[in-house]
N, C-alpha and C. Protein backbone atom coordinates (compact mmCIF):
# COMPACT_ATOMS: atom_id res chain seq x y z
N MET A 1 52.89 175.91 122.05
CA MET A 1 54.16 174.97 122.77
C MET A 1 54.89 173.90 121.89
N SER A 2 56.33 174.45 121.78
CA SER A 2 56.90 173.77 121.05
C SER A 2 57.33 172.09 121.43
N ALA A 3 57.12 170.73 120.30
CA ALA A 3 57.28 169.71 121.08
C ALA A 3 58.93 169.39 121.15
N PRO A 4 58.97 168.50 122.12
CA PRO A 4 60.59 168.29 122.59
C PRO A 4 61.32 168.05 121.42
N LEU A 5 62.45 168.31 121.50
CA LEU A 5 63.50 167.82 120.22
C LEU A 5 64.12 166.28 120.66
N ALA A 6 63.95 165.66 119.61
CA ALA A 6 64.46 164.10 119.82
C ALA A 6 66.03 164.16 119.97
N GLU A 7 66.51 163.31 120.86
CA GLU A 7 67.90 163.29 120.90
C GLU A 7 68.37 162.45 120.29
N PRO A 8 69.51 163.20 119.48
CA PRO A 8 70.19 162.59 118.35
C PRO A 8 70.80 161.30 118.95
N HIS A 9 70.74 160.25 117.51
CA HIS A 9 71.11 158.68 117.81
C HIS A 9 72.46 158.93 117.55
N SER A 10 73.51 158.18 118.32
CA SER A 10 75.02 158.11 117.89
C SER A 10 75.31 157.09 116.69
N ALA A 11 75.93 157.18 115.98
CA ALA A 11 76.23 156.33 114.93
C ALA A 11 77.04 154.69 115.53
N PRO A 12 76.64 153.71 115.02
CA PRO A 12 76.75 152.52 115.77
C PRO A 12 78.32 152.45 115.40
N SER A 13 79.15 151.81 116.74
CA SER A 13 80.58 152.04 116.57
C SER A 13 80.77 150.58 115.64
N SER A 14 81.83 151.06 114.79
CA SER A 14 82.39 149.59 114.26
C SER A 14 83.15 148.58 114.73
N THR A 15 83.80 149.37 115.94
CA THR A 15 84.40 148.09 116.98
C THR A 15 83.80 147.07 117.57
N PRO A 16 83.96 145.70 117.25
CA PRO A 16 83.23 144.95 118.03
C PRO A 16 83.12 145.09 119.50
N THR A 17 81.97 144.67 120.12
CA THR A 17 81.79 144.82 121.50
C THR A 17 82.59 143.67 122.54
N SER A 18 83.11 142.78 121.62
CA SER A 18 84.01 141.75 122.38
C SER A 18 85.27 142.25 122.41
N THR A 19 85.69 143.49 121.80
CA THR A 19 87.24 143.97 121.87
C THR A 19 87.17 144.86 123.25
N PRO A 20 88.29 144.72 124.00
CA PRO A 20 88.16 145.64 125.09
C PRO A 20 88.86 147.08 124.67
N PRO A 21 88.50 148.32 125.31
CA PRO A 21 89.00 149.50 124.55
C PRO A 21 90.47 149.63 124.89
N GLY A 22 91.22 149.92 124.05
CA GLY A 22 92.28 150.20 123.52
C GLY A 22 93.34 148.58 123.26
N GLY A 23 92.31 147.80 123.21
CA GLY A 23 93.10 146.24 122.81
C GLY A 23 93.25 146.08 121.54
N PRO A 24 94.18 145.06 120.85
CA PRO A 24 93.91 144.75 119.74
C PRO A 24 92.52 144.24 119.01
N PRO A 25 92.45 144.47 117.69
CA PRO A 25 90.84 143.85 117.36
C PRO A 25 91.21 142.33 116.97
N PRO A 26 90.11 141.93 117.22
CA PRO A 26 90.02 140.14 116.94
C PRO A 26 90.60 139.91 115.72
N PRO A 27 91.23 138.32 115.46
CA PRO A 27 91.80 137.93 114.09
C PRO A 27 90.32 137.88 113.43
N PRO A 28 90.53 138.02 112.06
CA PRO A 28 89.21 137.82 111.17
C PRO A 28 89.38 136.32 110.85
N THR A 29 87.67 135.93 110.76
CA THR A 29 87.37 134.63 110.94
C THR A 29 87.47 134.05 109.29
N VAL A 30 88.57 133.10 109.33
CA VAL A 30 88.60 132.68 107.88
C VAL A 30 87.61 131.11 107.85
N GLU A 31 86.91 131.72 106.47
CA GLU A 31 85.72 130.55 106.37
C GLU A 31 86.43 129.40 105.44
N ARG A 32 86.92 128.13 105.68
CA ARG A 32 87.36 127.31 105.25
C ARG A 32 86.04 126.80 103.87
N LYS A 33 86.74 126.75 102.93
CA LYS A 33 86.02 126.02 101.83
C LYS A 33 85.50 124.56 102.20
N THR A 34 84.47 124.06 101.90
CA THR A 34 84.41 122.58 102.11
C THR A 34 83.96 122.20 100.75
N ARG A 35 84.29 120.88 100.45
CA ARG A 35 84.30 120.40 99.24
C ARG A 35 83.27 119.20 99.12
N LYS A 36 82.34 119.38 98.11
CA LYS A 36 81.30 118.17 97.82
C LYS A 36 82.36 116.89 97.62
N ARG A 37 82.04 115.93 98.31
CA ARG A 37 82.83 114.24 97.91
C ARG A 37 81.64 113.14 97.55
N LYS A 38 81.78 112.48 96.63
CA LYS A 38 81.21 111.36 96.52
C LYS A 38 81.35 110.20 97.54
N LEU A 39 80.20 110.00 98.38
CA LEU A 39 80.20 108.93 98.90
C LEU A 39 80.74 107.52 98.42
N VAL A 40 80.12 107.39 97.44
CA VAL A 40 80.23 105.79 96.27
C VAL A 40 81.03 106.47 95.07
N ASP A 41 81.96 105.82 94.82
CA ASP A 41 82.67 105.98 93.58
C ASP A 41 82.45 104.53 92.74
N ALA A 42 83.25 104.94 91.55
CA ALA A 42 83.33 103.50 90.67
C ALA A 42 83.79 102.33 91.33
N SER A 43 85.11 102.55 91.90
CA SER A 43 85.56 101.47 92.92
C SER A 43 84.56 100.74 93.46
N VAL A 44 83.83 101.52 94.45
CA VAL A 44 83.16 100.61 95.28
C VAL A 44 82.13 99.72 94.54
N TYR A 45 81.62 100.03 92.96
CA TYR A 45 80.96 99.24 92.41
C TYR A 45 81.65 97.94 92.04
N ILE A 46 82.84 98.36 91.51
CA ILE A 46 83.73 97.30 91.01
C ILE A 46 84.07 95.89 92.01
N PHE A 47 84.41 96.45 93.12
CA PHE A 47 84.66 95.38 94.45
C PHE A 47 83.33 94.90 94.68
N ALA A 48 82.31 95.57 94.71
CA ALA A 48 81.13 94.60 95.02
C ALA A 48 80.52 93.88 93.85
N VAL A 49 80.87 94.07 92.79
CA VAL A 49 80.69 93.18 91.59
C VAL A 49 81.63 91.96 91.79
N ALA A 50 83.08 92.25 92.06
CA ALA A 50 83.76 90.97 92.04
C ALA A 50 83.59 90.29 93.41
N SER A 51 83.39 91.02 94.26
CA SER A 51 83.05 90.15 95.55
C SER A 51 81.84 89.00 95.11
N VAL A 52 80.61 89.49 94.64
CA VAL A 52 79.61 88.76 94.43
C VAL A 52 79.92 87.70 93.18
N LEU A 53 80.73 87.88 92.24
CA LEU A 53 81.33 87.32 91.42
C LEU A 53 82.05 85.92 92.00
N ALA A 54 82.94 86.25 93.08
CA ALA A 54 83.99 85.30 93.89
C ALA A 54 82.95 84.63 94.73
N GLY A 55 82.20 85.15 95.36
CA GLY A 55 81.26 84.04 96.22
C GLY A 55 80.18 83.18 95.49
N GLY A 56 79.77 83.45 94.40
CA GLY A 56 79.10 82.84 93.57
C GLY A 56 80.07 81.54 92.82
N TYR A 57 81.31 82.06 92.69
CA TYR A 57 82.16 80.60 92.02
C TYR A 57 82.29 80.00 92.96
N ILE A 58 82.88 80.45 94.43
CA ILE A 58 82.84 79.40 95.41
C ILE A 58 81.92 78.62 95.77
N TRP A 59 80.23 79.31 96.07
CA TRP A 59 79.67 78.86 96.23
C TRP A 59 79.28 77.50 95.06
N TYR A 60 79.42 77.71 94.00
CA TYR A 60 79.24 76.88 92.63
C TYR A 60 80.26 75.60 93.08
N ARG A 61 81.66 75.90 93.35
CA ARG A 61 82.80 74.98 93.52
C ARG A 61 82.69 74.42 94.56
N ASP A 62 82.79 74.97 95.83
CA ASP A 62 82.86 74.14 97.21
C ASP A 62 81.58 74.24 98.00
N GLY A 63 80.35 74.86 97.87
CA GLY A 63 79.25 74.90 98.31
C GLY A 63 79.26 75.92 99.73
N GLY A 64 78.14 76.14 100.01
CA GLY A 64 77.75 77.18 101.06
C GLY A 64 78.57 77.34 102.05
N ALA A 65 78.94 76.16 102.77
CA ALA A 65 80.02 76.19 103.70
C ALA A 65 81.55 77.17 103.74
N ALA A 66 81.93 76.99 102.08
CA ALA A 66 83.05 77.61 102.08
C ALA A 66 82.72 79.12 101.77
N VAL A 67 81.60 79.62 101.37
CA VAL A 67 81.25 80.98 101.39
C VAL A 67 81.24 81.52 102.57
N VAL A 68 80.55 81.04 103.53
CA VAL A 68 80.54 81.05 105.01
C VAL A 68 82.04 81.38 105.68
N GLN A 69 82.99 80.33 105.45
CA GLN A 69 84.33 80.24 105.98
C GLN A 69 84.92 81.70 105.24
N GLY A 70 84.90 81.91 104.18
CA GLY A 70 85.32 83.10 103.67
C GLY A 70 84.94 84.45 104.38
N ALA A 71 83.62 84.49 104.42
CA ALA A 71 83.00 85.55 105.12
C ALA A 71 83.75 85.75 106.30
N GLU A 72 83.88 84.63 107.27
CA GLU A 72 84.28 84.79 108.94
C GLU A 72 85.77 85.06 108.53
N GLU A 73 86.62 84.65 107.57
CA GLU A 73 87.97 85.13 107.25
C GLU A 73 87.89 86.65 107.23
N ALA A 74 86.82 87.10 106.38
CA ALA A 74 86.93 88.47 106.11
C ALA A 74 86.52 89.35 107.20
N THR A 75 85.86 88.95 108.10
CA THR A 75 85.58 89.68 109.19
C THR A 75 86.69 89.90 110.14
N ILE A 76 87.20 88.62 110.70
CA ILE A 76 88.48 88.66 111.27
C ILE A 76 89.41 89.74 111.05
N SER A 77 89.76 89.83 109.51
CA SER A 77 90.60 90.69 109.05
C SER A 77 90.35 92.30 109.17
N LEU A 78 88.82 92.15 108.81
CA LEU A 78 88.25 93.55 109.24
C LEU A 78 88.55 94.10 110.61
N VAL A 79 88.05 93.36 111.53
CA VAL A 79 88.24 93.55 112.97
C VAL A 79 89.60 94.03 113.22
N SER A 80 90.39 93.05 112.71
CA SER A 80 92.23 93.38 113.03
C SER A 80 92.65 94.65 112.50
N VAL A 81 92.07 95.26 111.35
CA VAL A 81 92.69 96.64 110.82
C VAL A 81 91.62 97.67 111.13
N LEU A 82 90.82 97.32 111.61
CA LEU A 82 89.61 98.70 111.98
C LEU A 82 90.14 99.68 112.72
N PRO A 83 90.53 99.38 113.84
CA PRO A 83 91.53 100.45 114.82
C PRO A 83 92.19 101.38 114.23
N GLN A 84 93.20 100.77 113.31
CA GLN A 84 94.25 101.48 112.74
C GLN A 84 93.30 102.22 111.31
N LEU A 85 92.77 101.69 110.63
CA LEU A 85 92.12 102.16 109.68
C LEU A 85 91.15 103.60 110.19
N VAL A 86 90.46 103.59 111.24
CA VAL A 86 89.59 104.76 111.86
C VAL A 86 90.62 105.45 112.39
N LEU A 87 91.64 105.13 113.14
CA LEU A 87 92.66 106.27 113.77
C LEU A 87 93.04 107.18 112.48
N GLY A 88 93.61 106.13 111.38
CA GLY A 88 94.48 106.98 110.31
C GLY A 88 93.33 108.09 109.51
N ILE A 89 91.98 107.65 109.57
CA ILE A 89 91.02 108.79 109.07
C ILE A 89 90.69 109.80 109.49
N ILE A 90 90.85 109.52 111.20
CA ILE A 90 90.77 110.45 111.76
C ILE A 90 91.79 111.64 112.00
N VAL A 91 92.91 111.08 112.24
CA VAL A 91 94.12 112.18 111.61
C VAL A 91 94.25 112.80 110.65
N ALA A 92 93.82 112.20 109.34
CA ALA A 92 93.83 113.02 107.87
C ALA A 92 92.70 113.54 108.32
N GLY A 93 91.72 113.77 108.87
CA GLY A 93 90.46 114.54 108.95
C GLY A 93 91.16 115.63 109.64
N LEU A 94 91.24 115.80 110.66
CA LEU A 94 92.38 116.90 111.82
C LEU A 94 93.23 117.74 110.98
N ALA A 95 94.11 116.65 110.43
CA ALA A 95 95.18 117.37 109.41
C ALA A 95 95.04 118.47 108.42
N GLN A 96 93.70 118.05 107.82
CA GLN A 96 93.12 118.94 107.05
C GLN A 96 92.70 120.21 107.23
N VAL A 97 92.19 120.11 108.58
CA VAL A 97 91.51 121.42 109.50
C VAL A 97 92.81 122.26 110.16
N MET A 98 93.89 121.70 110.45
CA MET A 98 94.79 121.71 111.33
C MET A 98 95.95 122.56 110.37
N ILE A 99 96.33 122.01 109.17
CA ILE A 99 97.40 122.64 108.44
C ILE A 99 96.73 123.62 107.65
N PRO A 100 97.46 124.86 107.49
CA PRO A 100 97.11 125.82 106.74
C PRO A 100 97.04 125.22 105.01
N ARG A 101 96.16 125.56 104.43
CA ARG A 101 96.42 124.92 102.77
C ARG A 101 97.60 126.19 102.41
N ASP A 102 97.60 126.89 102.50
CA ASP A 102 98.39 128.02 101.80
C ASP A 102 100.22 127.33 101.97
N ARG A 103 100.24 126.93 103.40
CA ARG A 103 101.39 126.46 103.86
C ARG A 103 101.70 125.13 103.17
N ILE A 104 100.80 124.41 102.97
CA ILE A 104 101.09 123.02 102.39
C ILE A 104 101.73 123.48 100.58
N GLY A 105 100.70 124.25 100.35
CA GLY A 105 100.84 124.64 98.62
C GLY A 105 102.44 125.04 98.61
N ARG A 106 102.96 126.09 99.56
CA ARG A 106 104.28 126.34 99.22
C ARG A 106 105.41 125.32 99.56
N MET A 107 105.07 124.51 100.83
CA MET A 107 106.22 123.23 101.15
C MET A 107 106.17 122.25 99.89
N LEU A 108 104.85 121.77 99.66
CA LEU A 108 104.77 120.58 98.78
C LEU A 108 104.01 120.64 97.70
N GLY A 109 103.36 122.17 96.85
CA GLY A 109 102.60 122.24 95.98
C GLY A 109 103.56 122.32 94.71
N GLU A 110 103.06 122.82 93.39
CA GLU A 110 103.83 122.97 92.44
C GLU A 110 104.87 123.50 92.16
N GLN A 111 104.74 124.72 93.00
CA GLN A 111 105.92 125.60 93.24
C GLN A 111 107.05 125.14 93.93
N SER A 112 106.76 124.06 94.62
CA SER A 112 108.03 123.88 95.55
C SER A 112 109.39 123.37 95.00
N GLY A 113 109.19 122.75 93.74
CA GLY A 113 110.29 122.28 93.07
C GLY A 113 110.88 121.14 93.58
N MET A 114 112.34 121.14 93.77
CA MET A 114 112.83 119.98 94.39
C MET A 114 113.00 119.79 95.34
N LYS A 115 112.98 121.12 96.38
CA LYS A 115 112.58 121.09 97.94
C LYS A 115 111.52 120.58 98.31
N GLY A 116 110.24 120.50 97.67
CA GLY A 116 109.16 119.72 97.79
C GLY A 116 109.33 118.26 97.42
N LEU A 117 110.17 118.03 96.69
CA LEU A 117 110.16 116.32 96.62
C LEU A 117 111.17 115.86 97.59
N LEU A 118 112.02 116.66 98.01
CA LEU A 118 112.92 116.32 98.90
C LEU A 118 112.43 116.00 100.56
N LEU A 119 111.31 117.05 100.43
CA LEU A 119 110.81 117.10 102.02
C LEU A 119 109.68 116.16 101.88
N ALA A 120 108.91 115.63 100.79
CA ALA A 120 107.93 114.71 100.83
C ALA A 120 108.84 113.28 100.99
N THR A 121 109.84 112.82 100.36
CA THR A 121 110.52 111.78 100.34
C THR A 121 111.05 111.62 101.84
N ALA A 122 111.49 112.78 102.57
CA ALA A 122 112.15 112.56 104.02
C ALA A 122 110.80 112.14 105.00
N ILE A 123 109.55 112.93 104.66
CA ILE A 123 108.33 112.40 105.50
C ILE A 123 108.05 111.25 104.94
N GLY A 124 107.77 110.88 104.01
CA GLY A 124 107.33 109.11 103.72
C GLY A 124 108.38 108.32 104.09
N ALA A 125 109.86 108.64 103.94
CA ALA A 125 110.73 107.59 104.57
C ALA A 125 110.55 107.40 106.03
N ALA A 126 110.24 108.46 106.61
CA ALA A 126 110.53 108.45 108.51
C ALA A 126 108.98 107.96 109.00
N MET A 127 107.95 108.16 107.73
CA MET A 127 106.33 107.63 108.53
C MET A 127 106.17 105.70 108.87
N PRO A 128 106.05 105.90 110.13
CA PRO A 128 106.15 104.36 110.47
C PRO A 128 104.43 104.06 110.36
N GLY A 129 104.36 102.38 110.29
CA GLY A 129 103.29 101.86 110.44
C GLY A 129 102.94 101.50 108.50
N GLY A 130 101.86 100.56 108.66
CA GLY A 130 101.26 100.35 107.33
C GLY A 130 100.74 101.44 106.55
N PRO A 131 99.74 100.97 105.65
CA PRO A 131 99.07 101.41 104.49
C PRO A 131 97.88 102.19 105.28
N PHE A 132 97.40 101.73 106.46
CA PHE A 132 96.19 102.34 107.34
C PHE A 132 96.67 103.53 107.76
N ALA A 133 97.87 103.65 108.24
CA ALA A 133 98.29 104.97 108.54
C ALA A 133 98.83 106.12 107.50
N SER A 134 99.36 105.70 106.58
CA SER A 134 100.10 106.34 105.57
C SER A 134 99.20 107.07 104.51
N PHE A 135 98.29 106.13 103.90
CA PHE A 135 97.16 106.61 102.73
C PHE A 135 96.23 107.77 103.48
N PRO A 136 95.73 107.56 104.22
CA PRO A 136 95.01 108.54 104.99
C PRO A 136 95.57 109.97 104.96
N ILE A 137 97.20 110.23 105.49
CA ILE A 137 98.10 111.37 105.48
C ILE A 137 98.41 111.81 103.90
N ILE A 138 98.35 110.58 103.14
CA ILE A 138 98.44 111.11 101.55
C ILE A 138 97.18 112.01 101.07
N TYR A 139 96.01 111.00 101.50
CA TYR A 139 94.98 111.72 101.27
C TYR A 139 94.77 113.13 101.77
N ALA A 140 94.89 113.22 103.13
CA ALA A 140 95.01 114.25 103.69
C ALA A 140 95.85 115.66 102.87
N LEU A 141 97.12 115.25 102.47
CA LEU A 141 97.94 116.25 101.83
C LEU A 141 97.71 116.50 100.83
N ALA A 142 96.80 115.55 99.88
CA ALA A 142 96.43 116.09 98.76
C ALA A 142 95.27 117.32 98.79
N HIS A 143 94.52 116.96 99.50
CA HIS A 143 93.24 117.66 99.77
C HIS A 143 94.03 119.18 100.40
N ALA A 144 95.10 119.14 101.11
CA ALA A 144 95.82 120.33 101.70
C ALA A 144 96.47 121.04 100.58
N GLY A 145 96.66 120.82 99.50
CA GLY A 145 97.34 121.70 98.63
C GLY A 145 98.81 121.05 97.82
N ALA A 146 99.12 119.66 98.45
CA ALA A 146 100.52 118.99 97.64
C ALA A 146 99.84 118.74 96.40
N ASP A 147 100.94 119.01 95.67
CA ASP A 147 101.01 118.54 94.10
C ASP A 147 101.35 117.06 93.97
N ILE A 148 100.91 116.72 93.04
CA ILE A 148 101.08 114.88 92.77
C ILE A 148 102.39 114.40 92.77
N GLY A 149 103.20 115.17 92.22
CA GLY A 149 105.21 114.81 92.47
C GLY A 149 105.25 114.67 93.78
N SER A 150 104.88 115.41 94.84
CA SER A 150 105.03 115.12 95.95
C SER A 150 104.52 114.27 96.56
N LEU A 151 103.02 113.80 96.15
CA LEU A 151 102.50 112.81 96.93
C LEU A 151 103.30 111.48 96.31
N VAL A 152 103.55 111.68 95.21
CA VAL A 152 104.33 110.23 94.84
C VAL A 152 105.39 110.34 95.18
N ALA A 153 106.19 111.09 95.61
CA ALA A 153 107.54 111.19 96.29
C ALA A 153 107.60 110.74 97.94
N PHE A 154 106.25 111.03 98.42
CA PHE A 154 105.83 110.68 99.55
C PHE A 154 105.71 108.99 99.68
N LEU A 155 104.44 108.79 98.95
CA LEU A 155 104.35 107.45 98.88
C LEU A 155 105.50 106.45 98.50
N MET A 156 106.53 107.04 97.47
CA MET A 156 107.79 106.05 97.02
C MET A 156 108.45 105.72 98.36
N GLY A 157 108.68 107.44 99.11
CA GLY A 157 109.60 107.35 100.37
C GLY A 157 109.27 106.29 101.31
N TRP A 158 107.74 106.18 101.69
CA TRP A 158 107.33 105.33 102.61
C TRP A 158 107.56 103.91 102.16
N ALA A 159 107.23 103.40 100.82
CA ALA A 159 107.50 102.18 100.38
C ALA A 159 108.79 101.80 99.75
N ALA A 160 109.38 102.61 99.41
CA ALA A 160 110.86 102.16 98.94
C ALA A 160 111.75 102.29 99.62
N ILE A 161 111.67 103.28 100.54
CA ILE A 161 112.91 103.38 101.75
C ILE A 161 112.71 102.85 103.23
N GLY A 162 111.51 103.21 103.83
CA GLY A 162 111.00 103.02 104.81
C GLY A 162 112.01 102.69 105.92
N ILE A 163 112.48 103.80 106.75
CA ILE A 163 113.66 103.49 107.56
C ILE A 163 113.15 102.46 108.61
N HIS A 164 112.00 102.75 109.20
CA HIS A 164 111.62 101.69 110.18
C HIS A 164 111.55 100.27 109.90
N ARG A 165 111.54 99.95 108.57
CA ARG A 165 111.51 98.88 107.99
C ARG A 165 113.05 98.29 108.06
N LEU A 166 113.81 99.14 107.78
CA LEU A 166 115.23 98.92 107.61
C LEU A 166 115.84 98.46 109.17
N PHE A 167 115.66 98.90 110.17
CA PHE A 167 115.87 98.79 111.78
C PHE A 167 115.22 97.41 111.95
N VAL A 168 113.93 97.53 111.83
CA VAL A 168 112.85 96.30 112.35
C VAL A 168 113.23 95.04 111.76
N TRP A 169 113.45 94.94 110.44
CA TRP A 169 113.13 93.79 109.71
C TRP A 169 114.40 93.53 108.92
N GLU A 170 115.00 94.39 108.46
CA GLU A 170 116.07 94.14 107.00
C GLU A 170 117.43 93.81 107.87
N LEU A 171 117.94 94.74 108.62
CA LEU A 171 119.17 94.58 109.27
C LEU A 171 118.96 93.42 110.46
N PRO A 172 117.82 92.91 111.14
CA PRO A 172 118.04 91.48 111.83
C PRO A 172 117.86 90.62 111.12
N PHE A 173 117.11 90.31 110.32
CA PHE A 173 116.89 89.31 109.15
C PHE A 173 117.94 89.07 108.15
N MET A 174 118.39 90.05 107.40
CA MET A 174 118.77 90.19 106.12
C MET A 174 120.57 90.66 106.12
N GLY A 175 120.66 91.22 107.27
CA GLY A 175 122.04 91.49 107.85
C GLY A 175 122.32 93.01 107.34
N THR A 176 123.55 93.55 107.56
CA THR A 176 124.00 95.10 107.38
C THR A 176 124.20 95.11 105.91
N GLU A 177 124.80 94.45 105.21
CA GLU A 177 125.24 94.37 103.86
C GLU A 177 124.10 94.89 103.04
N PHE A 178 123.08 93.52 103.17
CA PHE A 178 122.03 93.74 102.36
C PHE A 178 121.07 94.82 102.69
N GLY A 179 121.04 95.41 103.65
CA GLY A 179 120.10 96.27 104.20
C GLY A 179 120.58 97.78 103.72
N MET A 180 121.98 97.69 103.95
CA MET A 180 122.40 99.16 103.48
C MET A 180 122.59 98.92 101.89
N VAL A 181 122.80 98.50 101.00
CA VAL A 181 122.62 98.18 99.79
C VAL A 181 121.48 98.39 99.08
N ARG A 182 120.40 97.86 100.09
CA ARG A 182 118.74 98.18 99.88
C ARG A 182 118.53 99.81 99.82
N PHE A 183 119.08 99.96 101.33
CA PHE A 183 118.51 101.33 101.57
C PHE A 183 119.12 102.60 100.60
N LEU A 184 120.37 102.28 100.30
CA LEU A 184 121.30 103.44 99.16
C LEU A 184 120.81 103.20 97.96
N SER A 185 120.53 102.17 97.61
CA SER A 185 119.90 101.91 96.01
C SER A 185 118.57 102.86 95.97
N SER A 186 117.59 102.54 97.17
CA SER A 186 116.29 103.23 97.32
C SER A 186 116.19 104.49 97.25
N LEU A 187 117.23 104.98 97.92
CA LEU A 187 117.15 106.64 97.86
C LEU A 187 116.48 107.47 96.82
N PRO A 188 117.14 107.45 95.67
CA PRO A 188 116.81 108.24 94.55
C PRO A 188 115.62 107.53 93.91
N LEU A 189 115.07 106.65 93.91
CA LEU A 189 113.78 106.41 93.44
C LEU A 189 112.54 107.37 94.00
N PRO A 190 112.32 107.87 95.17
CA PRO A 190 111.39 108.96 95.21
C PRO A 190 111.19 110.13 94.23
N ILE A 191 112.69 110.82 94.18
CA ILE A 191 112.75 111.98 93.16
C ILE A 191 112.41 111.52 91.95
N ILE A 192 113.03 110.46 91.08
CA ILE A 192 112.83 110.42 90.01
C ILE A 192 111.25 109.88 89.63
N ALA A 193 110.37 109.08 90.82
CA ALA A 193 109.26 109.02 90.67
C ALA A 193 108.45 110.37 90.62
N GLY A 194 108.57 111.15 91.39
CA GLY A 194 108.28 112.45 91.82
C GLY A 194 108.49 113.44 90.02
N LEU A 195 109.50 113.24 89.91
CA LEU A 195 109.53 114.08 88.64
C LEU A 195 108.72 113.57 87.43
N ILE A 196 108.89 112.58 87.23
CA ILE A 196 108.16 111.67 86.24
C ILE A 196 106.72 111.93 86.61
N ALA A 197 106.33 111.92 87.73
CA ALA A 197 104.93 112.26 87.76
C ALA A 197 104.17 113.64 87.60
N ARG A 198 105.37 114.56 87.73
CA ARG A 198 105.36 116.16 87.21
C ARG A 198 105.56 116.18 85.71
N TRP A 199 106.24 115.43 85.17
CA TRP A 199 106.26 115.56 83.69
C TRP A 199 104.87 115.23 83.23
N ILE A 200 104.34 113.89 83.91
CA ILE A 200 102.98 113.20 82.94
C ILE A 200 102.11 114.17 83.41
N VAL A 201 101.97 114.80 84.45
CA VAL A 201 100.87 115.89 84.78
C VAL A 201 101.01 117.33 83.85
N ALA A 202 102.29 117.43 83.58
CA ALA A 202 102.42 118.57 82.81
C ALA A 202 102.28 118.19 80.98
N THR A 203 102.28 117.22 80.96
CA THR A 203 102.06 116.67 79.32
C THR A 203 100.48 116.51 79.25
N PHE A 204 100.09 115.87 80.08
CA PHE A 204 98.59 115.51 80.09
C PHE A 204 97.70 116.34 81.00
N PRO A 205 97.30 117.53 80.66
CA PRO A 205 96.64 118.43 81.70
C PRO A 205 95.48 118.13 82.48
N SER A 206 94.95 116.76 81.70
CA SER A 206 93.60 116.37 82.57
C SER A 206 93.73 115.39 83.49
N LEU A 207 95.22 115.25 83.75
CA LEU A 207 95.71 114.38 84.98
C LEU A 207 96.23 115.26 86.05
N ARG A 208 96.28 116.27 85.85
CA ARG A 208 96.75 117.39 86.90
C ARG A 208 96.38 117.28 88.43
N ASP A 209 95.11 117.15 88.49
CA ASP A 209 94.34 116.74 89.84
C ASP A 209 93.78 115.59 89.87
N PRO A 210 94.17 114.46 89.78
CA PRO A 210 93.55 113.49 89.65
C PRO A 210 92.65 113.04 91.38
N ILE A 211 93.20 113.70 92.17
CA ILE A 211 92.46 113.08 93.67
C ILE A 211 91.50 114.21 94.14
N ARG A 212 91.94 115.52 93.69
CA ARG A 212 90.68 116.18 94.52
C ARG A 212 90.24 116.74 93.73
N GLY A 213 90.05 116.51 92.37
CA GLY A 213 88.98 116.40 91.55
C GLY A 213 88.37 118.15 91.59
N PRO A 214 87.18 118.51 90.75
CA PRO A 214 86.88 119.73 90.62
C PRO A 214 86.41 120.74 91.85
N GLU A 215 86.70 121.75 91.88
CA GLU A 215 86.45 122.59 92.98
C GLU A 215 84.96 122.62 93.09
């Protein structure tokens, strides 16, 4: 008596089980490259040494009470800026995940040309708030693919043009004439600074990627 024949096994389907019959395939999962970053760099040690030296000098000159007073003033300053700093860092972290790197590269990267400098200048000029809001955004753009020329133009647009400062501070306190002269004379500065920054990194290739560092 012959043994029963085994039923042939069907080949596994290449279509994912989560895809409904006849439906579009799911989008491919894009793996985002993570970058190792130093938690402590040279600037931390520099500020730590400067703090110790300053505290020691104040202790020697004015006594321990002056050191305590300085620490209290520093604590008050830290508490006052901590919410802005934390929220700015959160926005920067979310922006690095939310904004596609290739899109930032096209808009603000090395190949963006003058359009990239103009766009970075406009964004920086319209950016409200202080450095606790602006610098985390600059940091996020740097890690998302913006080149140093666009970053410098962004920073100069925020610092030199600052549309919000024009309406909140300059026009009410200094008058329309001064505010408009200052505003118009500052318009070309971000573009000039961005072009100079690109020329510097083209002349000295070791400075091409000073923020992102090696991959």
